Amino acid sequence: QVQLVESGGGLVQAGESLTLSCAASGRILWVNDMAWYRQAPGKQRELVATITRGSSTNYADSVKGRFTISRNNAKNTVNLQMNSLKPEDTAVYYCNADVRESVTSGHQFYWGQGTQVTVSS
């Protein structure tokens, strides 16, 4: 079994910054793609940013130029640096990872429990 634990959420004012962190632990051979999603009240969960094992990245248009995703393969962690935060960034942010648990297992996708980010105007 694999666990993803997020940290770093909180309440900030518009224009400020936050960094979210997510650590994967448990039965892990290696971690493939990692991603951050978010879900605002009354809305569907949406993809924010992805990063491959080779550190290729993709971002939602709404966060391009403001958010930066990064990872540490040795520690199985992924971060999301969020700058110039806006009230519309308010949401619960979830970490997602594609994990290979053994040489005989397939891809398994895991979610963290979520961390609240609230941006006041």
PDB file of N, CA and C in Angstrom:
ATOM      1  N   GLN A   1       0.838  -1.193   0.000  1.00  0.00           N
ATOM      2  CA  GLN A   1       0.000   0.000   0.000  1.00  0.00           C
ATOM      3  C   GLN A   1       0.874   1.244   0.000  1.00  0.00           C
ATOM      4  N   VAL A   2       0.344   2.292  -0.624  1.00  0.00           N
ATOM      5  CA  VAL A   2       1.065   3.557  -0.766  1.00  0.00           C
ATOM      6  C   VAL A   2       0.229   4.674  -0.161  1.00  0.00           C
ATOM      7  N   GLN A   3       0.893   5.576   0.526  1.00  0.00           N
ATOM      8  CA  GLN A   3       0.213   6.741   1.091  1.00  0.00           C
ATOM      9  C   GLN A   3       0.824   8.015   0.510  1.00  0.00           C
ATOM     10  N   LEU A   4      -0.045   8.975   0.234  1.00  0.00           N
ATOM     11  CA  LEU A   4       0.388  10.312  -0.175  1.00  0.00           C
ATOM     12  C   LEU A   4      -0.067  11.285   0.895  1.00  0.00           C
ATOM     13  N   VAL A   5       0.861  12.073   1.400  1.00  0.00           N
ATOM     14  CA  VAL A   5       0.537  13.027   2.455  1.00  0.00           C
ATOM     15  C   VAL A   5       0.915  14.425   1.997  1.00  0.00           C
ATOM     16  N   GLU A   6      -0.075  15.311   1.939  1.00  0.00           N
ATOM     17  CA  GLU A   6       0.143  16.693   1.522  1.00  0.00           C
ATOM     18  C   GLU A   6       0.325  17.582   2.734  1.00  0.00           C
ATOM     19  N   SER A   7       0.985  18.696   2.518  1.00  0.00           N
ATOM     20  CA  SER A   7       1.142  19.713   3.547  1.00  0.00           C
ATOM     21  C   SER A   7       1.365  21.061   2.882  1.00  0.00           C
ATOM     22  N   GLY A   8       1.198  22.130   3.669  1.00  0.00           N
ATOM     23  CA  GLY A   8       1.535  23.453   3.179  1.00  0.00           C
ATOM     24  C   GLY A   8       0.360  24.359   2.850  1.00  0.00           C
ATOM     25  N   GLY A   9      -0.849  23.858   2.961  1.00  0.00           N
ATOM     26  CA  GLY A   9      -1.998  24.717   2.678  1.00  0.00           C
ATOM     27  C   GLY A   9      -2.175  25.764   3.758  1.00  0.00           C
ATOM     28  N   GLY A  10      -3.101  26.685   3.508  1.00  0.00           N
ATOM     29  CA  GLY A  10      -3.360  27.711   4.497  1.00  0.00           C
ATOM     30  C   GLY A  10      -4.162  28.853   3.934  1.00  0.00           C
ATOM     31  N   LEU A  11      -4.229  29.926   4.715  1.00  0.00           N
ATOM     32  CA  LEU A  11      -4.965  31.133   4.345  1.00  0.00           C
ATOM     33  C   LEU A  11      -3.968  32.237   4.037  1.00  0.00           C
ATOM     34  N   VAL A  12      -4.075  32.804   2.844  1.00  0.00           N
ATOM     35  CA  VAL A  12      -3.198  33.897   2.447  1.00  0.00           C
ATOM     36  C   VAL A  12      -4.034  34.982   1.779  1.00  0.00           C
ATOM     37  N   GLN A  13      -3.410  36.148   1.593  1.00  0.00           N
ATOM     38  CA  GLN A  13      -4.072  37.228   0.881  1.00  0.00           C
ATOM     39  C   GLN A  13      -3.700  37.166  -0.597  1.00  0.00           C
ATOM     40  N   ALA A  14      -4.534  37.755  -1.393  1.00  0.00           N
ATOM     41  CA  ALA A  14      -4.269  37.812  -2.833  1.00  0.00           C
ATOM     42  C   ALA A  14      -2.896  38.431  -3.080  1.00  0.00           C
ATOM     43  N   GLY A  15      -2.160  37.827  -4.002  1.00  0.00           N
ATOM     44  CA  GLY A  15      -0.831  38.301  -4.343  1.00  0.00           C
ATOM     45  C   GLY A  15       0.293  37.604  -3.593  1.00  0.00           C
ATOM     46  N   GLU A  16      -0.054  36.897  -2.540  1.00  0.00           N
ATOM     47  CA  GLU A  16       0.957  36.196  -1.743  1.00  0.00           C
ATOM     48  C   GLU A  16       1.257  34.815  -2.342  1.00  0.00           C
ATOM     49  N   SER A  17       2.176  34.108  -1.676  1.00  0.00           N
ATOM     50  CA  SER A  17       2.640  32.817  -2.185  1.00  0.00           C
ATOM     51  C   SER A  17       2.448  31.716  -1.145  1.00  0.00           C
ATOM     52  N   LEU A  18       2.359  30.494  -1.648  1.00  0.00           N
ATOM     53  CA  LEU A  18       2.322  29.297  -0.816  1.00  0.00           C
ATOM     54  C   LEU A  18       3.045  28.185  -1.560  1.00  0.00           C
ATOM     55  N   THR A  19       3.624  27.275  -0.783  1.00  0.00           N
ATOM     56  CA  THR A  19       4.211  26.080  -1.384  1.00  0.00           C
ATOM     57  C   THR A  19       3.561  24.849  -0.776  1.00  0.00           C
ATOM     58  N   LEU A  20       3.005  24.011  -1.636  1.00  0.00           N
ATOM     59  CA  LEU A  20       2.429  22.739  -1.206  1.00  0.00           C
ATOM     60  C   LEU A  20       3.459  21.632  -1.419  1.00  0.00           C
ATOM     61  N   SER A  21       3.454  20.672  -0.504  1.00  0.00           N
ATOM     62  CA  SER A  21       4.344  19.524  -0.611  1.00  0.00           C
ATOM     63  C   SER A  21       3.545  18.238  -0.497  1.00  0.00           C
ATOM     64  N   CYS A  22       4.030  17.204  -1.159  1.00  0.00           N
ATOM     65  CA  CYS A  22       3.382  15.901  -1.094  1.00  0.00           C
ATOM     66  C   CYS A  22       4.473  14.839  -1.061  1.00  0.00           C
ATOM     67  N   ALA A  23       4.354  13.922  -0.110  1.00  0.00           N
ATOM     68  CA  ALA A  23       5.335  12.850   0.021  1.00  0.00           C
ATOM     69  C   ALA A  23       4.640  11.504  -0.120  1.00  0.00           C
ATOM     70  N   ALA A  24       5.199  10.666  -0.973  1.00  0.00           N
ATOM     71  CA  ALA A  24       4.682   9.311  -1.159  1.00  0.00           C
ATOM     72  C   ALA A  24       5.519   8.337  -0.351  1.00  0.00           C
ATOM     73  N   SER A  25       4.849   7.409   0.314  1.00  0.00           N
ATOM     74  CA  SER A  25       5.565   6.417   1.118  1.00  0.00           C
ATOM     75  C   SER A  25       4.834   5.087   1.052  1.00  0.00           C
ATOM     76  N   GLY A  26       5.557   4.032   1.439  1.00  0.00           N
ATOM     77  CA  GLY A  26       4.970   2.700   1.406  1.00  0.00           C
ATOM     78  C   GLY A  26       5.713   1.813   0.430  1.00  0.00           C
ATOM     79  N   ARG A  27       4.948   0.911  -0.177  1.00  0.00           N
ATOM     80  CA  ARG A  27       5.541  -0.061  -1.088  1.00  0.00           C
ATOM     81  C   ARG A  27       5.710   0.595  -2.468  1.00  0.00           C
ATOM     82  N   ILE A  28       6.904   1.133  -2.721  1.00  0.00           N
ATOM     83  CA  ILE A  28       7.164   1.879  -3.949  1.00  0.00           C
ATOM     84  C   ILE A  28       8.429   1.363  -4.609  1.00  0.00           C
ATOM     85  N   LEU A  29       8.300   0.976  -5.860  1.00  0.00           N
ATOM     86  CA  LEU A  29       9.480   0.661  -6.661  1.00  0.00           C
ATOM     87  C   LEU A  29       9.958   1.943  -7.327  1.00  0.00           C
ATOM     88  N   TRP A  30       9.039   2.603  -8.006  1.00  0.00           N
ATOM     89  CA  TRP A  30       9.295   3.961  -8.480  1.00  0.00           C
ATOM     90  C   TRP A  30       7.970   4.663  -8.748  1.00  0.00           C
ATOM     91  N   VAL A  31       8.055   5.974  -8.818  1.00  0.00           N
ATOM     92  CA  VAL A  31       6.885   6.808  -9.062  1.00  0.00           C
ATOM     93  C   VAL A  31       6.991   7.402 -10.453  1.00  0.00           C
ATOM     94  N   ASN A  32       5.977   7.221 -11.247  1.00  0.00           N
ATOM     95  CA  ASN A  32       5.958   7.788 -12.596  1.00  0.00           C
ATOM     96  C   ASN A  32       5.449   9.229 -12.540  1.00  0.00           C
ATOM     97  N   ASP A  33       4.413   9.538 -13.305  1.00  0.00           N
ATOM     98  CA  ASP A  33       3.887  10.904 -13.294  1.00  0.00           C
ATOM     99  C   ASP A  33       3.320  11.270 -11.930  1.00  0.00           C
ATOM    100  N   MET A  34       3.502  12.528 -11.559  1.00  0.00           N
ATOM    101  CA  MET A  34       2.883  13.078 -10.356  1.00  0.00           C
ATOM    102  C   MET A  34       2.123  14.333 -10.773  1.00  0.00           C
ATOM    103  N   ALA A  35       1.114  14.678  -9.990  1.00  0.00           N
ATOM    104  CA  ALA A  35       0.278  15.802 -10.398  1.00  0.00           C
ATOM    105  C   ALA A  35      -0.377  16.444  -9.186  1.00  0.00           C
ATOM    106  N   TRP A  36      -0.815  17.658  -9.399  1.00  0.00           N
ATOM    107  CA  TRP A  36      -1.656  18.369  -8.445  1.00  0.00           C
ATOM    108  C   TRP A  36      -2.989  18.663  -9.119  1.00  0.00           C
ATOM    109  N   TYR A  37      -4.057  18.391  -8.393  1.00  0.00           N
ATOM    110  CA  TYR A  37      -5.409  18.736  -8.800  1.00  0.00           C
ATOM    111  C   TYR A  37      -5.994  19.661  -7.736  1.00  0.00           C
ATOM    112  N   ARG A  38      -7.094  20.293  -8.084  1.00  0.00           N
ATOM    113  CA  ARG A  38      -7.801  21.089  -7.087  1.00  0.00           C
ATOM    114  C   ARG A  38      -9.295  21.016  -7.317  1.00  0.00           C
ATOM    115  N   GLN A  39     -10.021  21.219  -6.229  1.00  0.00           N
ATOM    116  CA  GLN A  39     -11.479  21.211  -6.310  1.00  0.00           C
ATOM    117  C   GLN A  39     -12.029  22.332  -5.454  1.00  0.00           C
ATOM    118  N   ALA A  40     -12.690  23.267  -6.127  1.00  0.00           N
ATOM    119  CA  ALA A  40     -13.335  24.373  -5.439  1.00  0.00           C
ATOM    120  C   ALA A  40     -14.753  23.959  -5.071  1.00  0.00           C
ATOM    121  N   PRO A  41     -15.341  24.628  -4.083  1.00  0.00           N
ATOM    122  CA  PRO A  41     -16.708  24.292  -3.673  1.00  0.00           C
ATOM    123  C   PRO A  41     -17.688  24.368  -4.837  1.00  0.00           C
ATOM    124  N   GLY A  42     -18.454  23.321  -5.019  1.00  0.00           N
ATOM    125  CA  GLY A  42     -19.460  23.302  -6.063  1.00  0.00           C
ATOM    126  C   GLY A  42     -18.922  23.062  -7.461  1.00  0.00           C
ATOM    127  N   LYS A  43     -17.630  22.776  -7.572  1.00  0.00           N
ATOM    128  CA  LYS A  43     -17.025  22.570  -8.892  1.00  0.00           C
ATOM    129  C   LYS A  43     -16.379  21.195  -8.971  1.00  0.00           C
ATOM    130  N   GLN A  44     -16.119  20.761 -10.195  1.00  0.00           N
ATOM    131  CA  GLN A  44     -15.450  19.481 -10.390  1.00  0.00           C
ATOM    132  C   GLN A  44     -13.955  19.617 -10.111  1.00  0.00           C
ATOM    133  N   ARG A  45     -13.346  18.505  -9.769  1.00  0.00           N
ATOM    134  CA  ARG A  45     -11.901  18.482  -9.572  1.00  0.00           C
ATOM    135  C   ARG A  45     -11.221  18.757 -10.918  1.00  0.00           C
ATOM    136  N   GLU A  46     -10.214  19.624 -10.903  1.00  0.00           N
ATOM    137  CA  GLU A  46      -9.523  19.982 -12.141  1.00  0.00           C
ATOM    138  C   GLU A  46      -8.025  19.794 -11.988  1.00  0.00           C
ATOM    139  N   LEU A  47      -7.395  19.503 -13.117  1.00  0.00           N
ATOM    140  CA  LEU A  47      -5.952  19.319 -13.140  1.00  0.00           C
ATOM    141  C   LEU A  47      -5.260  20.675 -13.078  1.00  0.00           C
ATOM    142  N   VAL A  48      -4.276  20.787 -12.199  1.00  0.00           N
ATOM    143  CA  VAL A  48      -3.520  22.035 -12.060  1.00  0.00           C
ATOM    144  C   VAL A  48      -2.169  21.930 -12.768  1.00  0.00           C
ATOM    145  N   ALA A  49      -1.431  20.862 -12.472  1.00  0.00           N
ATOM    146  CA  ALA A  49      -0.093  20.711 -13.049  1.00  0.00           C
ATOM    147  C   ALA A  49       0.334  19.256 -12.975  1.00  0.00           C
ATOM    148  N   THR A  50       1.151  18.854 -13.941  1.00  0.00           N
ATOM    149  CA  THR A  50       1.701  17.501 -13.949  1.00  0.00           C
ATOM    150  C   THR A  50       3.203  17.562 -14.161  1.00  0.00           C
ATOM    151  N   ILE A  51       3.878  16.513 -13.701  1.00  0.00           N
ATOM    152  CA  ILE A  51       5.318  16.410 -13.900  1.00  0.00           C
ATOM    153  C   ILE A  51       5.678  14.944 -14.090  1.00  0.00           C
ATOM    154  N   THR A  52       6.445  14.667 -15.135  1.00  0.00           N
ATOM    155  CA  THR A  52       6.871  13.299 -15.395  1.00  0.00           C
ATOM    156  C   THR A  52       8.088  12.965 -14.537  1.00  0.00           C
ATOM    157  N   ARG A  53       8.480  11.706 -14.574  1.00  0.00           N
ATOM    158  CA  ARG A  53       9.647  11.295 -13.820  1.00  0.00           C
ATOM    159  C   ARG A  53      10.901  12.023 -14.320  1.00  0.00           C
ATOM    160  N   GLY A  54      10.891  12.359 -15.594  1.00  0.00           N
ATOM    161  CA  GLY A  54      11.996  13.109 -16.169  1.00  0.00           C
ATOM    162  C   GLY A  54      11.856  14.616 -16.021  1.00  0.00           C
ATOM    163  N   SER A  55      10.838  15.042 -15.253  1.00  0.00           N
ATOM    164  CA  SER A  55      10.601  16.454 -14.918  1.00  0.00           C
ATOM    165  C   SER A  55      10.070  17.301 -16.063  1.00  0.00           C
ATOM    166  N   SER A  56       9.423  16.676 -17.034  1.00  0.00           N
ATOM    167  CA  SER A  56       8.663  17.459 -18.009  1.00  0.00           C
ATOM    168  C   SER A  56       7.365  17.886 -17.341  1.00  0.00           C
ATOM    169  N   THR A  57       6.971  19.130 -17.578  1.00  0.00           N
ATOM    170  CA  THR A  57       5.822  19.692 -16.868  1.00  0.00           C
ATOM    171  C   THR A  57       4.742  20.185 -17.811  1.00  0.00           C
ATOM    172  N   ASN A  58       3.530  20.226 -17.288  1.00  0.00           N
ATOM    173  CA  ASN A  58       2.396  20.831 -17.972  1.00  0.00           C
ATOM    174  C   ASN A  58       1.541  21.535 -16.941  1.00  0.00           C
ATOM    175  N   TYR A  59       0.919  22.631 -17.366  1.00  0.00           N
ATOM    176  CA  TYR A  59       0.115  23.429 -16.449  1.00  0.00           C
ATOM    177  C   TYR A  59      -1.241  23.768 -17.062  1.00  0.00           C
ATOM    178  N   ALA A  60      -2.216  23.919 -16.200  1.00  0.00           N
ATOM    179  CA  ALA A  60      -3.487  24.472 -16.631  1.00  0.00           C
ATOM    180  C   ALA A  60      -3.260  25.923 -17.045  1.00  0.00           C
ATOM    181  N   ASP A  61      -4.007  26.373 -18.032  1.00  0.00           N
ATOM    182  CA  ASP A  61      -3.832  27.749 -18.509  1.00  0.00           C
ATOM    183  C   ASP A  61      -4.021  28.765 -17.385  1.00  0.00           C
ATOM    184  N   SER A  62      -4.897  28.457 -16.441  1.00  0.00           N
ATOM    185  CA  SER A  62      -5.220  29.405 -15.384  1.00  0.00           C
ATOM    186  C   SER A  62      -4.064  29.636 -14.400  1.00  0.00           C
ATOM    187  N   VAL A  63      -3.068  28.753 -14.402  1.00  0.00           N
ATOM    188  CA  VAL A  63      -1.967  28.896 -13.443  1.00  0.00           C
ATOM    189  C   VAL A  63      -0.616  29.089 -14.123  1.00  0.00           C
ATOM    190  N   LYS A  64      -0.571  29.027 -15.438  1.00  0.00           N
ATOM    191  CA  LYS A  64       0.700  29.193 -16.148  1.00  0.00           C
ATOM    192  C   LYS A  64       1.341  30.518 -15.795  1.00  0.00           C
ATOM    193  N   GLY A  65       2.632  30.457 -15.511  1.00  0.00           N
ATOM    194  CA  GLY A  65       3.372  31.661 -15.177  1.00  0.00           C
ATOM    195  C   GLY A  65       3.311  32.027 -13.706  1.00  0.00           C
ATOM    196  N   ARG A  66       2.412  31.382 -12.958  1.00  0.00           N
ATOM    197  CA  ARG A  66       2.283  31.673 -11.519  1.00  0.00           C
ATOM    198  C   ARG A  66       2.671  30.479 -10.649  1.00  0.00           C
ATOM    199  N   PHE A  67       2.381  29.271 -11.118  1.00  0.00           N
ATOM    200  CA  PHE A  67       2.653  28.058 -10.347  1.00  0.00           C
ATOM    201  C   PHE A  67       3.819  27.303 -10.971  1.00  0.00           C
ATOM    202  N   THR A  68       4.588  26.644 -10.113  1.00  0.00           N
ATOM    203  CA  THR A  68       5.692  25.805 -10.572  1.00  0.00           C
ATOM    204  C   THR A  68       5.652  24.475  -9.841  1.00  0.00           C
ATOM    205  N   ILE A  69       5.617  23.383 -10.616  1.00  0.00           N
ATOM    206  CA  ILE A  69       5.646  22.040 -10.033  1.00  0.00           C
ATOM    207  C   ILE A  69       7.064  21.497 -10.134  1.00  0.00           C
ATOM    208  N   SER A  70       7.503  20.802  -9.093  1.00  0.00           N
ATOM    209  CA  SER A  70       8.830  20.202  -9.092  1.00  0.00           C
ATOM    210  C   SER A  70       8.778  18.906  -8.284  1.00  0.00           C
ATOM    211  N   ARG A  71       9.807  18.078  -8.436  1.00  0.00           N
ATOM    212  CA  ARG A  71       9.801  16.799  -7.725  1.00  0.00           C
ATOM    213  C   ARG A  71      11.205  16.376  -7.348  1.00  0.00           C
ATOM    214  N   ASN A  72      11.271  15.463  -6.398  1.00  0.00           N
ATOM    215  CA  ASN A  72      12.529  14.847  -5.997  1.00  0.00           C
ATOM    216  C   ASN A  72      12.323  13.341  -6.077  1.00  0.00           C
ATOM    217  N   ASN A  73      12.897  12.719  -7.080  1.00  0.00           N
ATOM    218  CA  ASN A  73      12.665  11.290  -7.306  1.00  0.00           C
ATOM    219  C   ASN A  73      13.253  10.428  -6.191  1.00  0.00           C
ATOM    220  N   ALA A  74      14.351  10.867  -5.613  1.00  0.00           N
ATOM    221  CA  ALA A  74      14.979  10.075  -4.543  1.00  0.00           C
ATOM    222  C   ALA A  74      14.103  10.040  -3.292  1.00  0.00           C
ATOM    223  N   LYS A  75      13.348  11.114  -3.074  1.00  0.00           N
ATOM    224  CA  LYS A  75      12.506  11.201  -1.877  1.00  0.00           C
ATOM    225  C   LYS A  75      11.036  10.935  -2.166  1.00  0.00           C
ATOM    226  N   ASN A  76      10.696  10.748  -3.452  1.00  0.00           N
ATOM    227  CA  ASN A  76       9.298  10.534  -3.852  1.00  0.00           C
ATOM    228  C   ASN A  76       8.398  11.669  -3.385  1.00  0.00           C
ATOM    229  N   THR A  77       8.862  12.877  -3.636  1.00  0.00           N
ATOM    230  CA  THR A  77       8.082  14.045  -3.245  1.00  0.00           C
ATOM    231  C   THR A  77       7.804  14.932  -4.453  1.00  0.00           C
ATOM    232  N   VAL A  78       6.748  15.696  -4.348  1.00  0.00           N
ATOM    233  CA  VAL A  78       6.395  16.673  -5.373  1.00  0.00           C
ATOM    234  C   VAL A  78       5.942  17.945  -4.666  1.00  0.00           C
ATOM    235  N   ASN A  79       6.360  19.071  -5.200  1.00  0.00           N
ATOM    236  CA  ASN A  79       5.991  20.363  -4.645  1.00  0.00           C
ATOM    237  C   ASN A  79       5.216  21.184  -5.660  1.00  0.00           C
ATOM    238  N   LEU A  80       4.445  22.128  -5.158  1.00  0.00           N
ATOM    239  CA  LEU A  80       3.758  23.087  -6.016  1.00  0.00           C
ATOM    240  C   LEU A  80       3.988  24.473  -5.422  1.00  0.00           C
ATOM    241  N   GLN A  81       4.838  25.238  -6.077  1.00  0.00           N
ATOM    242  CA  GLN A  81       5.088  26.615  -5.664  1.00  0.00           C
ATOM    243  C   GLN A  81       4.031  27.488  -6.322  1.00  0.00           C
ATOM    244  N   MET A  82       3.247  28.193  -5.502  1.00  0.00           N
ATOM    245  CA  MET A  82       2.149  29.009  -6.014  1.00  0.00           C
ATOM    246  C   MET A  82       2.432  30.473  -5.689  1.00  0.00           C
ATOM    247  N   ASN A  83       2.613  31.272  -6.728  1.00  0.00           N
ATOM    248  CA  ASN A  83       2.874  32.707  -6.567  1.00  0.00           C
ATOM    249  C   ASN A  83       1.691  33.512  -7.097  1.00  0.00           C
ATOM    250  N   SER A  84       1.652  34.766  -6.698  1.00  0.00           N
ATOM    251  CA  SER A  84       0.605  35.685  -7.174  1.00  0.00           C
ATOM    252  C   SER A  84      -0.777  35.055  -7.044  1.00  0.00           C
ATOM    253  N   LEU A  85      -1.054  34.525  -5.889  1.00  0.00           N
ATOM    254  CA  LEU A  85      -2.313  33.809  -5.688  1.00  0.00           C
ATOM    255  C   LEU A  85      -3.510  34.740  -5.827  1.00  0.00           C
ATOM    256  N   LYS A  86      -4.597  34.182  -6.358  1.00  0.00           N
ATOM    257  CA  LYS A  86      -5.841  34.911  -6.585  1.00  0.00           C
ATOM    258  C   LYS A  86      -6.970  34.240  -5.800  1.00  0.00           C
ATOM    259  N   PRO A  87      -8.022  34.980  -5.493  1.00  0.00           N
ATOM    260  CA  PRO A  87      -9.156  34.369  -4.787  1.00  0.00           C
ATOM    261  C   PRO A  87      -9.710  33.148  -5.524  1.00  0.00           C
ATOM    262  N   GLU A  88      -9.651  33.157  -6.847  1.00  0.00           N
ATOM    263  CA  GLU A  88     -10.165  32.019  -7.617  1.00  0.00           C
ATOM    264  C   GLU A  88      -9.270  30.785  -7.522  1.00  0.00           C
ATOM    265  N   ASP A  89      -8.115  30.895  -6.871  1.00  0.00           N
ATOM    266  CA  ASP A  89      -7.273  29.723  -6.605  1.00  0.00           C
ATOM    267  C   ASP A  89      -7.728  28.982  -5.348  1.00  0.00           C
ATOM    268  N   THR A  90      -8.680  29.544  -4.648  1.00  0.00           N
ATOM    269  CA  THR A  90      -9.190  28.901  -3.433  1.00  0.00           C
ATOM    270  C   THR A  90      -9.801  27.549  -3.763  1.00  0.00           C
ATOM    271  N   ALA A  91      -9.319  26.510  -3.086  1.00  0.00           N
ATOM    272  CA  ALA A  91      -9.770  25.142  -3.356  1.00  0.00           C
ATOM    273  C   ALA A  91      -9.069  24.187  -2.397  1.00  0.00           C
ATOM    274  N   VAL A  92      -9.524  22.949  -2.422  1.00  0.00           N
ATOM    275  CA  VAL A  92      -8.763  21.866  -1.799  1.00  0.00           C
ATOM    276  C   VAL A  92      -7.833  21.310  -2.865  1.00  0.00           C
ATOM    277  N   TYR A  93      -6.563  21.242  -2.553  1.00  0.00           N
ATOM    278  CA  TYR A  93      -5.557  20.766  -3.494  1.00  0.00           C
ATOM    279  C   TYR A  93      -5.172  19.327  -3.158  1.00  0.00           C
ATOM    280  N   TYR A  94      -5.168  18.492  -4.203  1.00  0.00           N
ATOM    281  CA  TYR A  94      -4.886  17.069  -4.032  1.00  0.00           C
ATOM    282  C   TYR A  94      -3.647  16.673  -4.831  1.00  0.00           C
ATOM    283  N   CYS A  95      -2.839  15.849  -4.225  1.00  0.00           N
ATOM    284  CA  CYS A  95      -1.686  15.263  -4.876  1.00  0.00           C
ATOM    285  C   CYS A  95      -2.100  13.924  -5.489  1.00  0.00           C
ATOM    286  N   ASN A  96      -1.558  13.618  -6.649  1.00  0.00           N
ATOM    287  CA  ASN A  96      -1.849  12.359  -7.329  1.00  0.00           C
ATOM    288  C   ASN A  96      -0.547  11.769  -7.851  1.00  0.00           C
ATOM    289  N   ALA A  97      -0.406  10.447  -7.726  1.00  0.00           N
ATOM    290  CA  ALA A  97       0.826   9.813  -8.191  1.00  0.00           C
ATOM    291  C   ALA A  97       0.533   8.480  -8.862  1.00  0.00           C
ATOM    292  N   ASP A  98       1.263   8.226  -9.926  1.00  0.00           N
ATOM    293  CA  ASP A  98       1.225   6.949 -10.652  1.00  0.00           C
ATOM    294  C   ASP A  98       2.404   6.130 -10.132  1.00  0.00           C
ATOM    295  N   VAL A  99       2.089   5.076  -9.381  1.00  0.00           N
ATOM    296  CA  VAL A  99       3.122   4.342  -8.651  1.00  0.00           C
ATOM    297  C   VAL A  99       3.265   2.929  -9.196  1.00  0.00           C
ATOM    298  N   ARG A 100       4.503   2.520  -9.345  1.00  0.00           N
ATOM    299  CA  ARG A 100       4.812   1.122  -9.650  1.00  0.00           C
ATOM    300  C   ARG A 100       5.308   0.495  -8.350  1.00  0.00           C
ATOM    301  N   GLU A 101       4.578  -0.499  -7.852  1.00  0.00           N
ATOM    302  CA  GLU A 101       4.896  -1.062  -6.544  1.00  0.00           C
ATOM    303  C   GLU A 101       5.913  -2.206  -6.630  1.00  0.00           C
ATOM    304  N   SER A 102       5.949  -2.878  -7.759  1.00  0.00           N
ATOM    305  CA  SER A 102       6.900  -3.970  -7.927  1.00  0.00           C
ATOM    306  C   SER A 102       7.096  -4.187  -9.415  1.00  0.00           C
ATOM    307  N   VAL A 103       8.044  -5.029  -9.779  1.00  0.00           N
ATOM    308  CA  VAL A 103       8.323  -5.286 -11.191  1.00  0.00           C
ATOM    309  C   VAL A 103       7.174  -6.030 -11.856  1.00  0.00           C
ATOM    310  N   THR A 104       6.331  -6.675 -11.056  1.00  0.00           N
ATOM    311  CA  THR A 104       5.220  -7.428 -11.626  1.00  0.00           C
ATOM    312  C   THR A 104       3.890  -6.695 -11.536  1.00  0.00           C
ATOM    313  N   SER A 105       3.859  -5.555 -10.850  1.00  0.00           N
ATOM    314  CA  SER A 105       2.601  -4.832 -10.695  1.00  0.00           C
ATOM    315  C   SER A 105       2.433  -3.825 -11.816  1.00  0.00           C
ATOM    316  N   GLY A 106       1.212  -3.474 -12.086  1.00  0.00           N
ATOM    317  CA  GLY A 106       0.924  -2.447 -13.074  1.00  0.00           C
ATOM    318  C   GLY A 106       0.929  -1.076 -12.441  1.00  0.00           C
ATOM    319  N   HIS A 107       0.419  -0.112 -13.214  1.00  0.00           N
ATOM    320  CA  HIS A 107       0.345   1.249 -12.706  1.00  0.00           C
ATOM    321  C   HIS A 107      -0.802   1.355 -11.692  1.00  0.00           C
ATOM    322  N   GLN A 108      -0.504   1.942 -10.554  1.00  0.00           N
ATOM    323  CA  GLN A 108      -1.512   2.198  -9.534  1.00  0.00           C
ATOM    324  C   GLN A 108      -1.548   3.700  -9.262  1.00  0.00           C
ATOM    325  N   PHE A 109      -2.745   4.266  -9.248  1.00  0.00           N
ATOM    326  CA  PHE A 109      -2.882   5.706  -9.032  1.00  0.00           C
ATOM    327  C   PHE A 109      -3.392   5.959  -7.617  1.00  0.00           C
ATOM    328  N   TYR A 110      -2.697   6.838  -6.921  1.00  0.00           N
ATOM    329  CA  TYR A 110      -3.048   7.150  -5.546  1.00  0.00           C
ATOM    330  C   TYR A 110      -3.310   8.644  -5.388  1.00  0.00           C
ATOM    331  N   TRP A 111      -4.169   8.938  -4.393  1.00  0.00           N
ATOM    332  CA  TRP A 111      -4.527  10.328  -4.076  1.00  0.00           C
ATOM    333  C   TRP A 111      -4.141  10.636  -2.638  1.00  0.00           C
ATOM    334  N   GLY A 112      -3.766  11.882  -2.405  1.00  0.00           N
ATOM    335  CA  GLY A 112      -3.610  12.356  -1.046  1.00  0.00           C
ATOM    336  C   GLY A 112      -4.949  12.754  -0.474  1.00  0.00           C
ATOM    337  N   GLN A 113      -4.937  13.167   0.783  1.00  0.00           N
ATOM    338  CA  GLN A 113      -6.190  13.494   1.475  1.00  0.00           C
ATOM    339  C   GLN A 113      -6.661  14.908   1.170  1.00  0.00           C
ATOM    340  N   GLY A 114      -5.796  15.713   0.584  1.00  0.00           N
ATOM    341  CA  GLY A 114      -6.163  17.088   0.242  1.00  0.00           C
ATOM    342  C   GLY A 114      -5.704  18.089   1.294  1.00  0.00           C
ATOM    343  N   THR A 115      -5.387  19.274   0.828  1.00  0.00           N
ATOM    344  CA  THR A 115      -5.011  20.368   1.720  1.00  0.00           C
ATOM    345  C   THR A 115      -5.703  21.639   1.249  1.00  0.00           C
ATOM    346  N   GLN A 116      -6.274  22.370   2.189  1.00  0.00           N
ATOM    347  CA  GLN A 116      -7.078  23.552   1.853  1.00  0.00           C
ATOM    348  C   GLN A 116      -6.187  24.759   1.593  1.00  0.00           C
ATOM    349  N   VAL A 117      -6.455  25.427   0.492  1.00  0.00           N
ATOM    350  CA  VAL A 117      -5.824  26.717   0.192  1.00  0.00           C
ATOM    351  C   VAL A 117      -6.940  27.746   0.063  1.00  0.00           C
ATOM    352  N   THR A 118      -6.838  28.800   0.849  1.00  0.00           N
ATOM    353  CA  THR A 118      -7.831  29.862   0.821  1.00  0.00           C
ATOM    354  C   THR A 118      -7.126  31.184   0.570  1.00  0.00           C
ATOM    355  N   VAL A 119      -7.576  31.881  -0.472  1.00  0.00           N
ATOM    356  CA  VAL A 119      -6.974  33.158  -0.837  1.00  0.00           C
ATOM    357  C   VAL A 119      -8.025  34.242  -0.657  1.00  0.00           C
ATOM    358  N   SER A 120      -7.746  35.166   0.221  1.00  0.00           N
ATOM    359  CA  SER A 120      -8.693  36.251   0.478  1.00  0.00           C
ATOM    360  C   SER A 120      -8.363  37.465  -0.386  1.00  0.00           C
ATOM    361  N   SER A 121      -9.385  38.212  -0.714  1.00  0.00           N
ATOM    362  CA  SER A 121      -9.192  39.381  -1.594  1.00  0.00           C
ATOM    363  C   SER A 121      -8.877  40.630  -0.785  1.00  0.00           C
TER     364      SER A 121
END
